[in-house]
């Protein structure tokens, strides 16, 4: 079993999933990610990245999905 911290491919997959999940949650339930500091602030920042860089995040998710399926 490999850890996502030591495998760069797995680490990128986890980062993309966190960004996409936080962005989705912020769109559906904005009050959850309202706090900009502390522990929940990390997830607020991930949602902000997903909102502002959504075309690039989508390309990253698509590329990661293709690489997981075929490689």
N, C-alpha and C. Protein backbone atom coordinates (compact mmCIF):
# COMPACT_ATOMS: atom_id res chain seq x y z
N UNK A 1 0.84 -1.18 0.00
CA UNK A 1 0.00 0.00 0.00
C UNK A 1 0.89 1.24 0.00
N UNK A 2 0.60 2.16 -0.92
CA UNK A 2 1.40 3.37 -1.03
C UNK A 2 0.68 4.54 -0.37
N UNK A 3 1.46 5.39 0.23
CA UNK A 3 0.90 6.59 0.85
C UNK A 3 0.85 7.71 -0.19
N UNK A 4 -0.19 8.53 -0.13
CA UNK A 4 -0.33 9.64 -1.06
C UNK A 4 0.74 10.71 -0.82
N UNK A 5 1.35 10.69 0.34
CA UNK A 5 2.38 11.68 0.62
C UNK A 5 3.69 11.37 -0.09
N UNK A 6 3.95 10.11 -0.38
CA UNK A 6 5.22 9.72 -0.96
C UNK A 6 5.13 9.40 -2.44
N UNK A 7 3.95 9.33 -2.99
CA UNK A 7 3.75 9.06 -4.40
C UNK A 7 3.16 10.33 -5.02
N UNK A 8 3.90 10.96 -5.93
CA UNK A 8 3.49 12.25 -6.48
C UNK A 8 2.17 12.14 -7.26
N UNK A 9 1.98 11.06 -7.99
CA UNK A 9 0.75 10.85 -8.75
C UNK A 9 -0.45 10.77 -7.82
N UNK A 10 -0.33 10.04 -6.73
CA UNK A 10 -1.41 9.94 -5.76
C UNK A 10 -1.65 11.26 -5.04
N UNK A 11 -0.58 11.97 -4.76
CA UNK A 11 -0.70 13.28 -4.12
C UNK A 11 -1.49 14.24 -5.00
N UNK A 12 -1.19 14.29 -6.29
CA UNK A 12 -1.93 15.16 -7.19
C UNK A 12 -3.40 14.76 -7.28
N UNK A 13 -3.68 13.46 -7.25
CA UNK A 13 -5.06 12.99 -7.27
C UNK A 13 -5.81 13.47 -6.04
N UNK A 14 -5.19 13.36 -4.88
CA UNK A 14 -5.83 13.80 -3.64
C UNK A 14 -6.05 15.31 -3.65
N UNK A 15 -5.08 16.07 -4.11
CA UNK A 15 -5.23 17.53 -4.16
C UNK A 15 -6.37 17.93 -5.09
N UNK A 16 -6.46 17.31 -6.27
CA UNK A 16 -7.55 17.62 -7.19
C UNK A 16 -8.90 17.24 -6.60
N UNK A 17 -8.97 16.11 -5.93
CA UNK A 17 -10.23 15.71 -5.31
C UNK A 17 -10.65 16.66 -4.20
N UNK A 18 -9.71 17.13 -3.40
CA UNK A 18 -10.02 18.09 -2.33
C UNK A 18 -10.53 19.40 -2.94
N UNK A 19 -9.86 19.88 -3.98
CA UNK A 19 -10.28 21.13 -4.62
C UNK A 19 -11.68 20.99 -5.20
N UNK A 20 -11.93 19.91 -5.93
CA UNK A 20 -13.24 19.72 -6.54
C UNK A 20 -14.34 19.54 -5.50
N UNK A 21 -14.06 18.78 -4.45
CA UNK A 21 -15.05 18.56 -3.40
C UNK A 21 -15.37 19.84 -2.65
N UNK A 22 -14.35 20.60 -2.30
CA UNK A 22 -14.58 21.85 -1.57
C UNK A 22 -15.34 22.86 -2.42
N UNK A 23 -15.04 22.92 -3.70
CA UNK A 23 -15.76 23.83 -4.59
C UNK A 23 -17.23 23.43 -4.69
N UNK A 24 -17.49 22.14 -4.81
CA UNK A 24 -18.86 21.66 -4.89
C UNK A 24 -19.62 21.98 -3.60
N UNK A 25 -18.99 21.71 -2.45
CA UNK A 25 -19.65 21.98 -1.17
C UNK A 25 -19.92 23.47 -0.98
N UNK A 26 -18.99 24.31 -1.42
CA UNK A 26 -19.19 25.76 -1.28
C UNK A 26 -20.35 26.23 -2.14
N UNK A 27 -20.53 25.62 -3.31
CA UNK A 27 -21.65 26.00 -4.17
C UNK A 27 -22.99 25.51 -3.61
N UNK A 28 -22.99 24.35 -3.01
CA UNK A 28 -24.23 23.77 -2.50
C UNK A 28 -24.59 24.31 -1.11
N UNK A 29 -23.60 24.43 -0.25
CA UNK A 29 -23.81 24.85 1.14
C UNK A 29 -22.80 25.94 1.48
N UNK A 30 -23.04 27.19 1.10
CA UNK A 30 -22.04 28.25 1.30
C UNK A 30 -21.69 28.53 2.77
N UNK A 31 -22.60 28.25 3.68
CA UNK A 31 -22.33 28.54 5.09
C UNK A 31 -21.27 27.63 5.68
N UNK A 32 -21.08 26.45 5.11
CA UNK A 32 -20.10 25.50 5.66
C UNK A 32 -18.68 26.06 5.54
N UNK A 33 -18.37 26.65 4.39
CA UNK A 33 -17.01 27.13 4.15
C UNK A 33 -16.95 28.66 4.23
N UNK A 34 -17.61 29.22 5.20
CA UNK A 34 -17.63 30.66 5.36
C UNK A 34 -16.41 31.18 6.11
N UNK A 35 -15.87 30.37 7.00
CA UNK A 35 -14.73 30.77 7.83
C UNK A 35 -13.45 30.75 6.99
N UNK A 36 -12.70 31.85 7.00
CA UNK A 36 -11.51 31.98 6.17
C UNK A 36 -10.21 31.70 6.92
N UNK A 37 -10.28 31.44 8.21
CA UNK A 37 -9.08 31.17 8.99
C UNK A 37 -9.24 29.83 9.71
N UNK A 38 -8.13 29.34 10.22
CA UNK A 38 -8.16 28.09 10.98
C UNK A 38 -8.23 26.87 10.08
N UNK A 39 -8.70 25.78 10.65
CA UNK A 39 -8.74 24.50 9.94
C UNK A 39 -9.67 24.56 8.74
N UNK A 40 -10.86 25.14 8.92
CA UNK A 40 -11.80 25.24 7.80
C UNK A 40 -11.33 26.25 6.76
N UNK A 41 -10.42 27.11 7.13
CA UNK A 41 -9.85 28.06 6.18
C UNK A 41 -9.09 27.38 5.07
N UNK A 42 -8.46 26.26 5.38
CA UNK A 42 -7.77 25.47 4.34
C UNK A 42 -8.74 25.02 3.26
N UNK A 43 -9.92 24.57 3.69
CA UNK A 43 -10.92 24.10 2.73
C UNK A 43 -11.55 25.28 1.98
N UNK A 44 -11.66 26.44 2.65
CA UNK A 44 -12.15 27.64 1.98
C UNK A 44 -11.19 28.04 0.86
N UNK A 45 -9.89 27.94 1.13
CA UNK A 45 -8.88 28.28 0.13
C UNK A 45 -8.91 27.29 -1.04
N UNK A 46 -9.13 26.02 -0.75
CA UNK A 46 -9.24 25.02 -1.82
C UNK A 46 -10.47 25.31 -2.69
N UNK A 47 -11.57 25.71 -2.06
CA UNK A 47 -12.77 26.07 -2.82
C UNK A 47 -12.53 27.32 -3.66
N UNK A 48 -11.79 28.26 -3.13
CA UNK A 48 -11.48 29.49 -3.88
C UNK A 48 -10.63 29.17 -5.10
N UNK A 49 -9.67 28.25 -4.96
CA UNK A 49 -8.86 27.82 -6.09
C UNK A 49 -9.76 27.18 -7.15
N UNK A 50 -10.68 26.35 -6.73
CA UNK A 50 -11.60 25.70 -7.66
C UNK A 50 -12.51 26.68 -8.36
N UNK A 51 -12.92 27.74 -7.67
CA UNK A 51 -13.78 28.75 -8.29
C UNK A 51 -13.01 29.59 -9.31
N UNK A 52 -11.85 30.03 -8.95
CA UNK A 52 -11.11 30.96 -9.81
C UNK A 52 -10.36 30.26 -10.94
N UNK A 53 -9.91 29.06 -10.71
CA UNK A 53 -9.14 28.35 -11.72
C UNK A 53 -9.92 27.15 -12.28
N UNK A 54 -11.23 27.28 -12.36
CA UNK A 54 -12.06 26.12 -12.74
C UNK A 54 -11.70 25.51 -14.10
N UNK A 55 -11.36 26.28 -15.14
CA UNK A 55 -10.97 25.61 -16.39
C UNK A 55 -9.70 24.78 -16.23
N UNK A 56 -8.74 25.30 -15.47
CA UNK A 56 -7.49 24.56 -15.27
C UNK A 56 -7.70 23.34 -14.37
N UNK A 57 -8.55 23.49 -13.38
CA UNK A 57 -8.87 22.35 -12.50
C UNK A 57 -9.59 21.27 -13.30
N UNK A 58 -10.50 21.67 -14.19
CA UNK A 58 -11.21 20.70 -15.03
C UNK A 58 -10.24 19.96 -15.94
N UNK A 59 -9.30 20.68 -16.54
CA UNK A 59 -8.29 20.03 -17.39
C UNK A 59 -7.44 19.08 -16.55
N UNK A 60 -7.08 19.50 -15.35
CA UNK A 60 -6.31 18.63 -14.47
C UNK A 60 -7.07 17.37 -14.08
N UNK A 61 -8.36 17.51 -13.78
CA UNK A 61 -9.18 16.35 -13.43
C UNK A 61 -9.31 15.40 -14.62
N UNK A 62 -9.53 15.95 -15.79
CA UNK A 62 -9.65 15.11 -16.99
C UNK A 62 -8.34 14.38 -17.27
N UNK A 63 -7.24 15.11 -17.20
CA UNK A 63 -5.92 14.50 -17.44
C UNK A 63 -5.62 13.42 -16.40
N UNK A 64 -5.94 13.69 -15.15
CA UNK A 64 -5.69 12.71 -14.10
C UNK A 64 -6.57 11.47 -14.30
N UNK A 65 -7.82 11.68 -14.70
CA UNK A 65 -8.70 10.54 -14.96
C UNK A 65 -8.20 9.67 -16.09
N UNK A 66 -7.75 10.30 -17.16
CA UNK A 66 -7.20 9.53 -18.29
C UNK A 66 -5.94 8.78 -17.88
N UNK A 67 -5.08 9.45 -17.10
CA UNK A 67 -3.84 8.78 -16.70
C UNK A 67 -4.12 7.62 -15.74
N UNK A 68 -5.15 7.75 -14.89
CA UNK A 68 -5.49 6.65 -13.98
C UNK A 68 -6.06 5.47 -14.75
N UNK A 69 -6.91 5.75 -15.75
CA UNK A 69 -7.53 4.67 -16.50
C UNK A 69 -6.54 3.94 -17.40
N UNK A 70 -5.67 4.69 -18.08
CA UNK A 70 -4.82 4.07 -19.09
C UNK A 70 -3.38 3.78 -18.65
N UNK A 71 -2.93 4.35 -17.55
CA UNK A 71 -1.52 4.14 -17.17
C UNK A 71 -1.40 3.59 -15.80
